[in-house]
Amino acid sequence: MEQWPSDLPWKVNLFIYALSFAVDITRRADGSVNRRLMSFFDRQSSPSNKPINGVKSTDITIDKSRDLWFRLFTPTAGTTSNHTGLPVIFFFHGGGFAYLSPSSKPYDDFCRRLARELSAFVISVNYRLAPEHRYPAQIEDCFDTLRFIDTTEIEGFSSNADLKRCFMAGDSAGGNLVHHVAVKASGNEFNQVNLIGNIAIQPFFGGEERTESELRLTKAPFVNTERTDWMWKAFLPEGSNRDHPAANVMRADSVDITGIKFPATMVVVGGFDALVDWQRRYYDWLKKNGKESYLIEYENSFHTFYAYPEVSESSLFITEVKNFMQKLNL
C-alpha cells in the first residue's frame, strides 16, 4: 500500500523526517510540550527591513501580555493590479495548534513567497499555543489581529493596503482557525477590513469517527492518527472528545453557517494526506450550506507540500491561489 510520494527530493524527505522526529520526541505523554528541546529543531528567522527575495518584514506587537504579535511581509516590487493598494492576507500557521510560529523558518520563507508571488501584504499571526493555552485562545488571538488592523495606523502599510480586499489563509491547524475566525468575524462590524476569501490549505478537522484515509494512510508524512489524537487532546477543552465543535465543525450541533456572511472558500487537499477525507467533507458541507467554495486537489501531494518550492505541485498551488484572489477581486 503506497503511503508516500515516491519522487520527493531528498532534502524534502530529510526535512519531513526531521520535523516529524522533533514533534514526536518533544510531546510528552501528559499532554505537555518540551519547549526547550523543540527550540533546537525550530530554526528561527528574524524580520528584515532589507528586502529578501523582494520582500521586507517587520514584527508588530498587539498585546505583550499574551505575546500576541504578527510578522508583516511587504513586497517591494510593483503590482499590476487595477485596484488602489495591495490586497491583504491574514495568515495563520499550522503546527497542530501546539508548535511553530511566524518566525519559524519554513513559515517565514512561505509567507515571504506568498507576499512576493501574490503581490500582497501578508500578516502572519503569532497566536498562543496549546496545551498551555487551549481553545478558544488561538481563535481569539487571530480575531483580535483583524480588529487591530481595522483600527490601527501602521506606517508603510495603512496607506498602501486595500482593506476592502482581505483574505484569510491558513495551513493545517491554521486552516481550522480560518473557519472559526470567519464565523466569529461574521458577527462583527469592521470599519475597514472586508473579508472576501478564505484559503484553507489542508485544514485540520477531525472527529471520533476514523475515516477511510486515516485508516489507510497510517504512515503518511507528518500526519497520522496517533499524532493528531495527541494534538486534539492538547488543544480542546479538558474532557472534550474529537467531536467537539472546534474539531468537527460539520456536526449538527456545531455552529449553523447557513444564515451568516461567510467568505468564498478555497479548500486545498492532497492525496497522501490522512486528513483528506475530512477536508473533502468540509468542502461538501460548505456547498450544502450554500457557501461559495472551490476544491483544489493534488493527488500526489502530502501534508505541507505547498511549503517546498522543489515540489512541482507547490507552484501549481500558488497559481491556483492567485487565480482565486483575482476571481474575487473583480
C-alpha atoms as a PDB file:
ATOM      1  CA  MET A   1       0.000   0.000   0.000  1.00  0.00           C
ATOM      2  CA  GLU A   2       1.605   3.246  -1.151  1.00  0.00           C
ATOM      3  CA  GLN A   3       1.751   5.805   1.660  1.00  0.00           C
ATOM      4  CA  TRP A   4       4.326   8.283   0.454  1.00  0.00           C
ATOM      5  CA  PRO A   5       5.083  10.045  -2.868  1.00  0.00           C
ATOM      6  CA  SER A   6       7.951   8.141  -4.473  1.00  0.00           C
ATOM      7  CA  ASP A   7       9.611  11.049  -6.271  1.00  0.00           C
ATOM      8  CA  LEU A   8      10.251  13.588  -3.478  1.00  0.00           C
ATOM      9  CA  PRO A   9      13.624  15.370  -3.488  1.00  0.00           C
ATOM     10  CA  TRP A  10      15.930  14.005  -0.798  1.00  0.00           C
ATOM     11  CA  LYS A  11      16.068  17.367   1.010  1.00  0.00           C
ATOM     12  CA  VAL A  12      12.285  17.371   1.348  1.00  0.00           C
ATOM     13  CA  ASN A  13      12.288  13.800   2.678  1.00  0.00           C
ATOM     14  CA  LEU A  14      15.007  14.697   5.163  1.00  0.00           C
ATOM     15  CA  PHE A  15      13.120  17.736   6.450  1.00  0.00           C
ATOM     16  CA  ILE A  16       9.899  15.738   6.829  1.00  0.00           C
ATOM     17  CA  TYR A  17      11.678  13.047   8.836  1.00  0.00           C
ATOM     18  CA  ALA A  18      13.475  15.624  10.995  1.00  0.00           C
ATOM     19  CA  LEU A  19      10.367  17.663  11.870  1.00  0.00           C
ATOM     20  CA  SER A  20       8.283  14.528  12.492  1.00  0.00           C
ATOM     21  CA  PHE A  21      11.014  13.268  14.817  1.00  0.00           C
ATOM     22  CA  ALA A  22      11.124  16.638  16.598  1.00  0.00           C
ATOM     23  CA  VAL A  23       7.379  16.621  17.221  1.00  0.00           C
ATOM     24  CA  ASP A  24       7.444  13.027  18.451  1.00  0.00           C
ATOM     25  CA  ILE A  25      10.248  13.494  20.974  1.00  0.00           C
ATOM     26  CA  THR A  26       9.012  16.842  22.320  1.00  0.00           C
ATOM     27  CA  ARG A  27       5.378  15.951  23.028  1.00  0.00           C
ATOM     28  CA  ARG A  28       5.009  14.288  26.374  1.00  0.00           C
ATOM     29  CA  ALA A  29       2.538  11.603  27.414  1.00  0.00           C
ATOM     30  CA  ASP A  30       0.945  14.019  29.896  1.00  0.00           C
ATOM     31  CA  GLY A  31      -0.034  16.318  27.004  1.00  0.00           C
ATOM     32  CA  SER A  32       2.666  18.944  27.544  1.00  0.00           C
ATOM     33  CA  VAL A  33       5.438  20.038  25.157  1.00  0.00           C
ATOM     34  CA  ASN A  34       9.150  20.189  25.877  1.00  0.00           C
ATOM     35  CA  ARG A  35       9.636  23.714  24.509  1.00  0.00           C
ATOM     36  CA  ARG A  36      13.336  23.846  25.376  1.00  0.00           C
ATOM     37  CA  LEU A  37      14.065  20.707  23.373  1.00  0.00           C
ATOM     38  CA  MET A  38      11.882  21.872  20.479  1.00  0.00           C
ATOM     39  CA  SER A  39      13.886  25.098  20.241  1.00  0.00           C
ATOM     40  CA  PHE A  40      16.838  23.050  18.959  1.00  0.00           C
ATOM     41  CA  PHE A  41      14.762  21.912  15.964  1.00  0.00           C
ATOM     42  CA  ASP A  42      12.670  25.028  15.307  1.00  0.00           C
ATOM     43  CA  ARG A  43      15.078  27.165  13.295  1.00  0.00           C
ATOM     44  CA  GLN A  44      14.168  30.846  13.584  1.00  0.00           C
ATOM     45  CA  SER A  45      14.266  33.709  11.074  1.00  0.00           C
ATOM     46  CA  SER A  46      14.465  37.356  12.101  1.00  0.00           C
ATOM     47  CA  PRO A  47      12.446  40.134  10.444  1.00  0.00           C
ATOM     48  CA  SER A  48      14.340  42.105   7.820  1.00  0.00           C
ATOM     49  CA  ASN A  49      13.907  45.745   6.813  1.00  0.00           C
ATOM     50  CA  LYS A  50      16.258  44.982   3.955  1.00  0.00           C
ATOM     51  CA  PRO A  51      14.342  43.163   1.197  1.00  0.00           C
ATOM     52  CA  ILE A  52      14.983  39.429   0.962  1.00  0.00           C
ATOM     53  CA  ASN A  53      13.779  37.986  -2.333  1.00  0.00           C
ATOM     54  CA  GLY A  54      11.830  41.183  -2.923  1.00  0.00           C
ATOM     55  CA  VAL A  55      10.022  41.257   0.429  1.00  0.00           C
ATOM     56  CA  LYS A  56      10.614  43.224   3.632  1.00  0.00           C
ATOM     57  CA  SER A  57       9.333  42.075   7.015  1.00  0.00           C
ATOM     58  CA  THR A  58       8.747  43.573  10.435  1.00  0.00           C
ATOM     59  CA  ASP A  59       7.288  42.322  13.725  1.00  0.00           C
ATOM     60  CA  ILE A  60       4.453  44.319  15.295  1.00  0.00           C
ATOM     61  CA  THR A  61       3.179  43.744  18.849  1.00  0.00           C
ATOM     62  CA  ILE A  62      -0.556  43.763  19.595  1.00  0.00           C
ATOM     63  CA  ASP A  63      -0.655  42.594  23.222  1.00  0.00           C
ATOM     64  CA  LYS A  64       2.622  41.976  25.041  1.00  0.00           C
ATOM     65  CA  SER A  65       0.881  40.309  27.999  1.00  0.00           C
ATOM     66  CA  ARG A  66      -0.146  37.336  25.845  1.00  0.00           C
ATOM     67  CA  ASP A  67       2.760  37.565  23.404  1.00  0.00           C
ATOM     68  CA  LEU A  68       0.357  38.395  20.585  1.00  0.00           C
ATOM     69  CA  TRP A  69       2.204  39.829  17.605  1.00  0.00           C
ATOM     70  CA  PHE A  70       2.405  39.395  13.870  1.00  0.00           C
ATOM     71  CA  ARG A  71       5.060  39.469  11.183  1.00  0.00           C
ATOM     72  CA  LEU A  72       4.149  41.829   8.370  1.00  0.00           C
ATOM     73  CA  PHE A  73       5.543  40.909   4.947  1.00  0.00           C
ATOM     74  CA  THR A  74       5.670  43.761   2.440  1.00  0.00           C
ATOM     75  CA  PRO A  75       6.530  43.153  -1.221  1.00  0.00           C
ATOM     76  CA  THR A  76       8.860  45.792  -2.642  1.00  0.00           C
ATOM     77  CA  ALA A  77       8.157  45.145  -6.322  1.00  0.00           C
ATOM     78  CA  GLY A  78       5.383  46.948  -8.206  1.00  0.00           C
ATOM     79  CA  THR A  79       1.972  45.444  -8.825  1.00  0.00           C
ATOM     80  CA  THR A  80      -0.098  45.191 -11.988  1.00  0.00           C
ATOM     81  CA  SER A  81      -3.357  45.341 -10.005  1.00  0.00           C
ATOM     82  CA  ASN A  82      -6.077  47.597 -11.353  1.00  0.00           C
ATOM     83  CA  HIS A  83      -7.046  48.459  -7.780  1.00  0.00           C
ATOM     84  CA  THR A  84      -5.606  51.056  -5.450  1.00  0.00           C
ATOM     85  CA  GLY A  85      -3.416  49.391  -2.874  1.00  0.00           C
ATOM     86  CA  LEU A  86      -2.383  45.778  -2.363  1.00  0.00           C
ATOM     87  CA  PRO A  87      -4.676  43.049  -1.042  1.00  0.00           C
ATOM     88  CA  VAL A  88      -4.069  41.748   2.477  1.00  0.00           C
ATOM     89  CA  ILE A  89      -3.688  38.118   3.537  1.00  0.00           C
ATOM     90  CA  PHE A  90      -4.058  37.231   7.217  1.00  0.00           C
ATOM     91  CA  PHE A  91      -2.069  34.023   7.629  1.00  0.00           C
ATOM     92  CA  PHE A  92      -2.494  31.504  10.465  1.00  0.00           C
ATOM     93  CA  HIS A  93       0.309  28.959  10.646  1.00  0.00           C
ATOM     94  CA  GLY A  94      -0.012  25.221  11.182  1.00  0.00           C
ATOM     95  CA  GLY A  95       1.665  23.012  13.753  1.00  0.00           C
ATOM     96  CA  GLY A  96      -1.230  21.203  15.384  1.00  0.00           C
ATOM     97  CA  PHE A  97      -2.114  24.272  17.472  1.00  0.00           C
ATOM     98  CA  ALA A  98       0.913  23.414  19.627  1.00  0.00           C
ATOM     99  CA  TYR A  99       4.023  24.075  17.537  1.00  0.00           C
ATOM    100  CA  LEU A 100       5.862  26.675  15.437  1.00  0.00           C
ATOM    101  CA  SER A 101       5.371  30.416  14.896  1.00  0.00           C
ATOM    102  CA  PRO A 102       5.661  33.127  12.216  1.00  0.00           C
ATOM    103  CA  SER A 103       9.410  33.267  12.916  1.00  0.00           C
ATOM    104  CA  SER A 104       9.886  29.537  12.242  1.00  0.00           C
ATOM    105  CA  LYS A 105      11.985  29.472   9.092  1.00  0.00           C
ATOM    106  CA  PRO A 106       9.584  27.376   6.964  1.00  0.00           C
ATOM    107  CA  TYR A 107       6.759  29.833   7.670  1.00  0.00           C
ATOM    108  CA  ASP A 108       8.933  32.900   7.247  1.00  0.00           C
ATOM    109  CA  ASP A 109      10.007  31.537   3.842  1.00  0.00           C
ATOM    110  CA  PHE A 110       6.462  30.569   2.860  1.00  0.00           C
ATOM    111  CA  CYS A 111       4.859  33.889   3.794  1.00  0.00           C
ATOM    112  CA  ARG A 112       7.654  35.778   2.064  1.00  0.00           C
ATOM    113  CA  ARG A 113       6.920  33.748  -1.050  1.00  0.00           C
ATOM    114  CA  LEU A 114       3.185  34.447  -0.814  1.00  0.00           C
ATOM    115  CA  ALA A 115       3.808  38.185  -0.486  1.00  0.00           C
ATOM    116  CA  ARG A 116       6.145  38.241  -3.479  1.00  0.00           C
ATOM    117  CA  GLU A 117       4.267  35.972  -5.867  1.00  0.00           C
ATOM    118  CA  LEU A 118       0.765  37.181  -4.991  1.00  0.00           C
ATOM    119  CA  SER A 119       1.703  40.882  -4.715  1.00  0.00           C
ATOM    120  CA  ALA A 120       0.014  41.121  -1.342  1.00  0.00           C
ATOM    121  CA  PHE A 121       0.688  42.170   2.217  1.00  0.00           C
ATOM    122  CA  VAL A 122       0.891  39.071   4.419  1.00  0.00           C
ATOM    123  CA  ILE A 123       0.151  39.302   8.148  1.00  0.00           C
ATOM    124  CA  SER A 124       1.414  36.137   9.858  1.00  0.00           C
ATOM    125  CA  VAL A 125      -0.088  35.846  13.342  1.00  0.00           C
ATOM    126  CA  ASN A 126       1.752  34.600  16.420  1.00  0.00           C
ATOM    127  CA  TYR A 127      -1.183  33.105  18.316  1.00  0.00           C
ATOM    128  CA  ARG A 128      -0.882  31.389  21.699  1.00  0.00           C
ATOM    129  CA  LEU A 129      -0.054  27.686  21.594  1.00  0.00           C
ATOM    130  CA  ALA A 130      -1.625  24.628  23.176  1.00  0.00           C
ATOM    131  CA  PRO A 131      -1.531  22.972  25.629  1.00  0.00           C
ATOM    132  CA  GLU A 132      -0.510  25.993  27.705  1.00  0.00           C
ATOM    133  CA  HIS A 133      -3.402  27.841  26.045  1.00  0.00           C
ATOM    134  CA  ARG A 134      -6.344  25.765  24.892  1.00  0.00           C
ATOM    135  CA  TYR A 135      -9.312  26.541  22.651  1.00  0.00           C
ATOM    136  CA  PRO A 136     -10.527  29.241  22.091  1.00  0.00           C
ATOM    137  CA  ALA A 137      -7.318  31.232  22.796  1.00  0.00           C
ATOM    138  CA  GLN A 138      -5.986  30.734  19.259  1.00  0.00           C
ATOM    139  CA  ILE A 139      -9.225  31.912  17.654  1.00  0.00           C
ATOM    140  CA  GLU A 140      -9.358  34.962  19.916  1.00  0.00           C
ATOM    141  CA  ASP A 141      -5.776  35.925  19.037  1.00  0.00           C
ATOM    142  CA  CYS A 142      -6.371  35.640  15.292  1.00  0.00           C
ATOM    143  CA  PHE A 143      -9.634  37.586  15.506  1.00  0.00           C
ATOM    144  CA  ASP A 144      -8.030  40.298  17.643  1.00  0.00           C
ATOM    145  CA  THR A 145      -5.394  40.697  14.929  1.00  0.00           C
ATOM    146  CA  LEU A 146      -8.161  41.501  12.449  1.00  0.00           C
ATOM    147  CA  ARG A 147      -9.571  44.107  14.835  1.00  0.00           C
ATOM    148  CA  PHE A 148      -6.098  45.589  15.393  1.00  0.00           C
ATOM    149  CA  ILE A 149      -5.565  46.034  11.644  1.00  0.00           C
ATOM    150  CA  ASP A 150      -9.057  47.513  11.344  1.00  0.00           C
ATOM    151  CA  THR A 151      -8.360  50.262  13.895  1.00  0.00           C
ATOM    152  CA  THR A 152      -4.604  50.921  13.843  1.00  0.00           C
ATOM    153  CA  GLU A 153      -2.470  53.028  11.530  1.00  0.00           C
ATOM    154  CA  ILE A 154       0.752  51.251  10.556  1.00  0.00           C
ATOM    155  CA  GLU A 155       3.472  53.154   8.756  1.00  0.00           C
ATOM    156  CA  GLY A 156       4.091  51.852   5.253  1.00  0.00           C
ATOM    157  CA  PHE A 157       1.084  49.570   5.414  1.00  0.00           C
ATOM    158  CA  SER A 158      -2.112  51.519   6.045  1.00  0.00           C
ATOM    159  CA  SER A 159      -1.622  53.906   3.122  1.00  0.00           C
ATOM    160  CA  ASN A 160      -0.728  51.098   0.699  1.00  0.00           C
ATOM    161  CA  ALA A 161      -3.143  48.317   1.700  1.00  0.00           C
ATOM    162  CA  ASP A 162      -6.590  47.807   0.256  1.00  0.00           C
ATOM    163  CA  LEU A 163      -8.518  46.603   3.302  1.00  0.00           C
ATOM    164  CA  LYS A 164     -11.587  46.058   1.143  1.00  0.00           C
ATOM    165  CA  ARG A 165      -9.723  43.068  -0.308  1.00  0.00           C
ATOM    166  CA  CYS A 166      -8.767  40.960   2.689  1.00  0.00           C
ATOM    167  CA  PHE A 167      -8.249  37.214   2.704  1.00  0.00           C
ATOM    168  CA  MET A 168      -7.612  34.720   5.459  1.00  0.00           C
ATOM    169  CA  ALA A 169      -5.261  31.821   4.753  1.00  0.00           C
ATOM    170  CA  GLY A 170      -4.056  29.022   6.963  1.00  0.00           C
ATOM    171  CA  ASP A 171      -2.496  25.617   6.638  1.00  0.00           C
ATOM    172  CA  SER A 172      -3.429  22.541   8.692  1.00  0.00           C
ATOM    173  CA  ALA A 173      -4.354  23.831  12.170  1.00  0.00           C
ATOM    174  CA  GLY A 174      -4.291  27.312  10.646  1.00  0.00           C
ATOM    175  CA  GLY A 175      -6.910  26.208   8.119  1.00  0.00           C
ATOM    176  CA  ASN A 176      -9.131  25.197  11.020  1.00  0.00           C
ATOM    177  CA  LEU A 177      -8.614  28.644  12.554  1.00  0.00           C
ATOM    178  CA  VAL A 178      -9.580  30.311   9.264  1.00  0.00           C
ATOM    179  CA  HIS A 179     -13.012  28.699   9.524  1.00  0.00           C
ATOM    180  CA  HIS A 180     -13.622  29.648  13.150  1.00  0.00           C
ATOM    181  CA  VAL A 181     -12.335  33.201  12.750  1.00  0.00           C
ATOM    182  CA  ALA A 182     -14.577  33.650   9.702  1.00  0.00           C
ATOM    183  CA  VAL A 183     -17.583  32.549  11.773  1.00  0.00           C
ATOM    184  CA  LYS A 184     -16.608  34.892  14.615  1.00  0.00           C
ATOM    185  CA  ALA A 185     -15.979  37.775  12.204  1.00  0.00           C
ATOM    186  CA  SER A 186     -19.422  37.334  10.643  1.00  0.00           C
ATOM    187  CA  GLY A 187     -20.970  38.749  13.801  1.00  0.00           C
ATOM    188  CA  ASN A 188     -18.644  41.741  13.990  1.00  0.00           C
ATOM    189  CA  GLU A 189     -18.810  45.063  12.173  1.00  0.00           C
ATOM    190  CA  PHE A 190     -15.420  46.247  10.926  1.00  0.00           C
ATOM    191  CA  ASN A 191     -14.705  49.819   9.915  1.00  0.00           C
ATOM    192  CA  GLN A 192     -12.288  48.958   7.103  1.00  0.00           C
ATOM    193  CA  VAL A 193     -11.499  45.244   6.969  1.00  0.00           C
ATOM    194  CA  ASN A 194     -13.609  43.384   4.419  1.00  0.00           C
ATOM    195  CA  LEU A 195     -13.042  39.621   4.280  1.00  0.00           C
ATOM    196  CA  ILE A 196     -13.756  38.359   0.788  1.00  0.00           C
ATOM    197  CA  GLY A 197     -11.978  34.996   0.678  1.00  0.00           C
ATOM    198  CA  ASN A 198     -10.721  32.062   2.748  1.00  0.00           C
ATOM    199  CA  ILE A 199      -7.784  29.896   1.679  1.00  0.00           C
ATOM    200  CA  ALA A 200      -7.996  26.671   3.690  1.00  0.00           C
ATOM    201  CA  ILE A 201      -4.808  24.736   2.956  1.00  0.00           C
ATOM    202  CA  GLN A 202      -5.199  21.099   4.003  1.00  0.00           C
ATOM    203  CA  PRO A 203      -7.248  22.208   7.030  1.00  0.00           C
ATOM    204  CA  PHE A 204      -7.092  20.198  10.242  1.00  0.00           C
ATOM    205  CA  PHE A 205     -10.564  18.895  11.065  1.00  0.00           C
ATOM    206  CA  GLY A 206     -11.481  15.655  12.770  1.00  0.00           C
ATOM    207  CA  GLY A 207     -13.938  13.637  14.812  1.00  0.00           C
ATOM    208  CA  GLU A 208     -14.388  10.456  16.783  1.00  0.00           C
ATOM    209  CA  GLU A 209     -15.005   8.552  13.559  1.00  0.00           C
ATOM    210  CA  ARG A 210     -11.984   7.122  11.780  1.00  0.00           C
ATOM    211  CA  THR A 211     -12.220   7.942   8.082  1.00  0.00           C
ATOM    212  CA  GLU A 212     -11.004   5.688   5.284  1.00  0.00           C
ATOM    213  CA  SER A 213      -7.987   7.923   4.593  1.00  0.00           C
ATOM    214  CA  GLU A 214      -6.995   7.952   8.284  1.00  0.00           C
ATOM    215  CA  LEU A 215      -7.132   4.146   8.415  1.00  0.00           C
ATOM    216  CA  ARG A 216      -5.314   3.721   5.111  1.00  0.00           C
ATOM    217  CA  LEU A 217      -2.560   6.350   5.389  1.00  0.00           C
ATOM    218  CA  THR A 218      -1.089   5.269   8.713  1.00  0.00           C
ATOM    219  CA  LYS A 219       2.483   6.112   7.690  1.00  0.00           C
ATOM    220  CA  ALA A 220       1.897   9.193   5.560  1.00  0.00           C
ATOM    221  CA  PRO A 221       4.236  12.189   6.029  1.00  0.00           C
ATOM    222  CA  PHE A 222       3.616  14.258   9.200  1.00  0.00           C
ATOM    223  CA  VAL A 223       0.028  13.240   9.877  1.00  0.00           C
ATOM    224  CA  ASN A 224      -1.198  10.019  11.472  1.00  0.00           C
ATOM    225  CA  THR A 225      -3.932   9.300  13.994  1.00  0.00           C
ATOM    226  CA  GLU A 226      -1.519   8.904  16.904  1.00  0.00           C
ATOM    227  CA  ARG A 227      -0.124  12.416  16.386  1.00  0.00           C
ATOM    228  CA  THR A 228      -3.453  14.054  15.617  1.00  0.00           C
ATOM    229  CA  ASP A 229      -5.147  12.428  18.621  1.00  0.00           C
ATOM    230  CA  TRP A 230      -2.457  13.942  20.835  1.00  0.00           C
ATOM    231  CA  MET A 231      -2.895  17.365  19.222  1.00  0.00           C
ATOM    232  CA  TRP A 232      -6.669  17.370  19.650  1.00  0.00           C
ATOM    233  CA  LYS A 233      -6.237  16.356  23.292  1.00  0.00           C
ATOM    234  CA  ALA A 234      -3.782  19.214  23.831  1.00  0.00           C
ATOM    235  CA  PHE A 235      -5.967  21.797  22.070  1.00  0.00           C
ATOM    236  CA  LEU A 236      -9.562  21.027  23.024  1.00  0.00           C
ATOM    237  CA  PRO A 237     -11.064  21.868  26.433  1.00  0.00           C
ATOM    238  CA  GLU A 238     -10.249  19.272  29.103  1.00  0.00           C
ATOM    239  CA  GLY A 239     -12.676  16.372  28.987  1.00  0.00           C
ATOM    240  CA  SER A 240     -13.727  17.003  25.360  1.00  0.00           C
ATOM    241  CA  ASN A 241     -13.584  14.399  22.645  1.00  0.00           C
ATOM    242  CA  ARG A 242     -12.837  14.904  18.949  1.00  0.00           C
ATOM    243  CA  ASP A 243     -16.479  15.635  18.144  1.00  0.00           C
ATOM    244  CA  HIS A 244     -16.153  18.977  19.909  1.00  0.00           C
ATOM    245  CA  PRO A 245     -17.341  21.752  17.520  1.00  0.00           C
ATOM    246  CA  ALA A 246     -13.785  23.135  17.324  1.00  0.00           C
ATOM    247  CA  ALA A 247     -12.660  19.903  15.643  1.00  0.00           C
ATOM    248  CA  ASN A 248     -15.772  18.556  13.943  1.00  0.00           C
ATOM    249  CA  VAL A 249     -17.394  21.682  12.521  1.00  0.00           C
ATOM    250  CA  MET A 250     -19.717  19.599  10.348  1.00  0.00           C
ATOM    251  CA  ARG A 251     -21.746  18.020  13.160  1.00  0.00           C
ATOM    252  CA  ALA A 252     -25.382  19.014  13.508  1.00  0.00           C
ATOM    253  CA  ASP A 253     -24.673  20.569  16.918  1.00  0.00           C
ATOM    254  CA  SER A 254     -21.862  22.777  15.588  1.00  0.00           C
ATOM    255  CA  VAL A 255     -22.352  26.392  14.518  1.00  0.00           C
ATOM    256  CA  ASP A 256     -25.004  26.775  11.802  1.00  0.00           C
ATOM    257  CA  ILE A 257     -23.458  28.827   8.986  1.00  0.00           C
ATOM    258  CA  THR A 258     -26.408  28.856   6.619  1.00  0.00           C
ATOM    259  CA  GLY A 259     -27.544  32.348   7.579  1.00  0.00           C
ATOM    260  CA  ILE A 260     -24.201  34.070   8.089  1.00  0.00           C
ATOM    261  CA  LYS A 261     -21.968  36.007   5.760  1.00  0.00           C
ATOM    262  CA  PHE A 262     -19.146  33.575   5.057  1.00  0.00           C
ATOM    263  CA  PRO A 263     -16.297  34.356   2.624  1.00  0.00           C
ATOM    264  CA  ALA A 264     -15.799  32.355  -0.549  1.00  0.00           C
ATOM    265  CA  THR A 265     -13.529  29.459   0.386  1.00  0.00           C
ATOM    266  CA  MET A 266     -10.813  27.602  -1.461  1.00  0.00           C
ATOM    267  CA  VAL A 267     -10.128  24.160   0.068  1.00  0.00           C
ATOM    268  CA  VAL A 268      -6.782  22.590  -0.887  1.00  0.00           C
ATOM    269  CA  VAL A 269      -6.276  18.838  -0.401  1.00  0.00           C
ATOM    270  CA  GLY A 270      -3.579  16.248  -1.122  1.00  0.00           C
ATOM    271  CA  GLY A 271      -3.981  12.558  -1.898  1.00  0.00           C
ATOM    272  CA  PHE A 272      -1.299  11.442   0.555  1.00  0.00           C
ATOM    273  CA  ASP A 273      -2.779  13.434   3.448  1.00  0.00           C
ATOM    274  CA  ALA A 274      -4.506  11.248   6.058  1.00  0.00           C
ATOM    275  CA  LEU A 275      -6.884  14.167   6.705  1.00  0.00           C
ATOM    276  CA  VAL A 276      -8.086  14.342   3.097  1.00  0.00           C
ATOM    277  CA  ASP A 277     -11.480  12.747   3.794  1.00  0.00           C
ATOM    278  CA  TRP A 278     -12.263  15.330   6.492  1.00  0.00           C
ATOM    279  CA  GLN A 279     -11.172  18.104   4.144  1.00  0.00           C
ATOM    280  CA  ARG A 280     -13.397  16.887   1.300  1.00  0.00           C
ATOM    281  CA  ARG A 281     -16.295  16.640   3.736  1.00  0.00           C
ATOM    282  CA  TYR A 282     -15.672  20.230   4.761  1.00  0.00           C
ATOM    283  CA  TYR A 283     -15.883  21.363   1.132  1.00  0.00           C
ATOM    284  CA  ASP A 284     -19.087  19.355   0.598  1.00  0.00           C
ATOM    285  CA  TRP A 285     -20.538  20.794   3.817  1.00  0.00           C
ATOM    286  CA  LEU A 286     -19.827  24.363   2.694  1.00  0.00           C
ATOM    287  CA  LYS A 287     -21.557  23.691  -0.624  1.00  0.00           C
ATOM    288  CA  LYS A 288     -24.514  22.063   1.135  1.00  0.00           C
ATOM    289  CA  ASN A 289     -24.886  25.185   3.270  1.00  0.00           C
ATOM    290  CA  GLY A 290     -24.962  27.428   0.214  1.00  0.00           C
ATOM    291  CA  LYS A 291     -21.453  28.872   0.541  1.00  0.00           C
ATOM    292  CA  GLU A 292     -19.237  29.642  -2.431  1.00  0.00           C
ATOM    293  CA  SER A 293     -16.437  27.086  -2.305  1.00  0.00           C
ATOM    294  CA  TYR A 294     -13.810  25.533  -4.555  1.00  0.00           C
ATOM    295  CA  LEU A 295     -11.970  22.234  -4.130  1.00  0.00           C
ATOM    296  CA  ILE A 296      -8.373  22.066  -5.361  1.00  0.00           C
ATOM    297  CA  GLU A 297      -6.943  18.531  -5.355  1.00  0.00           C
ATOM    298  CA  TYR A 298      -3.365  17.349  -5.817  1.00  0.00           C
ATOM    299  CA  GLU A 299      -3.492  13.565  -5.927  1.00  0.00           C
ATOM    300  CA  ASN A 300       0.261  13.043  -5.472  1.00  0.00           C
ATOM    301  CA  SER A 301       0.721  15.560  -2.644  1.00  0.00           C
ATOM    302  CA  PHE A 302       1.355  15.080   1.065  1.00  0.00           C
ATOM    303  CA  HIS A 303       0.580  17.225   4.112  1.00  0.00           C
ATOM    304  CA  THR A 304       2.580  20.514   3.840  1.00  0.00           C
ATOM    305  CA  PHE A 305       3.582  20.005   0.178  1.00  0.00           C
ATOM    306  CA  TYR A 306       2.990  23.726  -0.526  1.00  0.00           C
ATOM    307  CA  ALA A 307       5.935  24.755   1.659  1.00  0.00           C
ATOM    308  CA  TYR A 308       8.529  23.213  -0.674  1.00  0.00           C
ATOM    309  CA  PRO A 309       9.260  25.106  -3.914  1.00  0.00           C
ATOM    310  CA  GLU A 310      11.121  21.999  -5.129  1.00  0.00           C
ATOM    311  CA  VAL A 311       7.797  20.127  -5.309  1.00  0.00           C
ATOM    312  CA  SER A 312       6.021  20.836  -8.601  1.00  0.00           C
ATOM    313  CA  GLU A 313       2.558  20.970  -7.022  1.00  0.00           C
ATOM    314  CA  SER A 314       3.754  23.842  -4.831  1.00  0.00           C
ATOM    315  CA  SER A 315       3.977  26.165  -7.844  1.00  0.00           C
ATOM    316  CA  LEU A 316       0.605  24.931  -9.114  1.00  0.00           C
ATOM    317  CA  PHE A 317      -0.829  25.797  -5.697  1.00  0.00           C
ATOM    318  CA  ILE A 318       0.489  29.373  -5.891  1.00  0.00           C
ATOM    319  CA  THR A 319      -1.119  29.764  -9.318  1.00  0.00           C
ATOM    320  CA  GLU A 320      -4.457  28.484  -8.010  1.00  0.00           C
ATOM    321  CA  VAL A 321      -4.365  30.935  -5.105  1.00  0.00           C
ATOM    322  CA  LYS A 322      -3.569  33.778  -7.488  1.00  0.00           C
ATOM    323  CA  ASN A 323      -6.499  32.798  -9.724  1.00  0.00           C
ATOM    324  CA  PHE A 324      -8.806  32.574  -6.702  1.00  0.00           C
ATOM    325  CA  MET A 325      -7.814  36.022  -5.483  1.00  0.00           C
ATOM    326  CA  GLN A 326      -8.205  37.556  -8.932  1.00  0.00           C
ATOM    327  CA  LYS A 327     -11.645  35.951  -9.335  1.00  0.00           C
ATOM    328  CA  LEU A 328     -12.823  37.602  -6.106  1.00  0.00           C
ATOM    329  CA  ASN A 329     -11.145  40.923  -6.866  1.00  0.00           C
ATOM    330  CA  LEU A 330     -13.365  41.580  -9.860  1.00  0.00           C
END
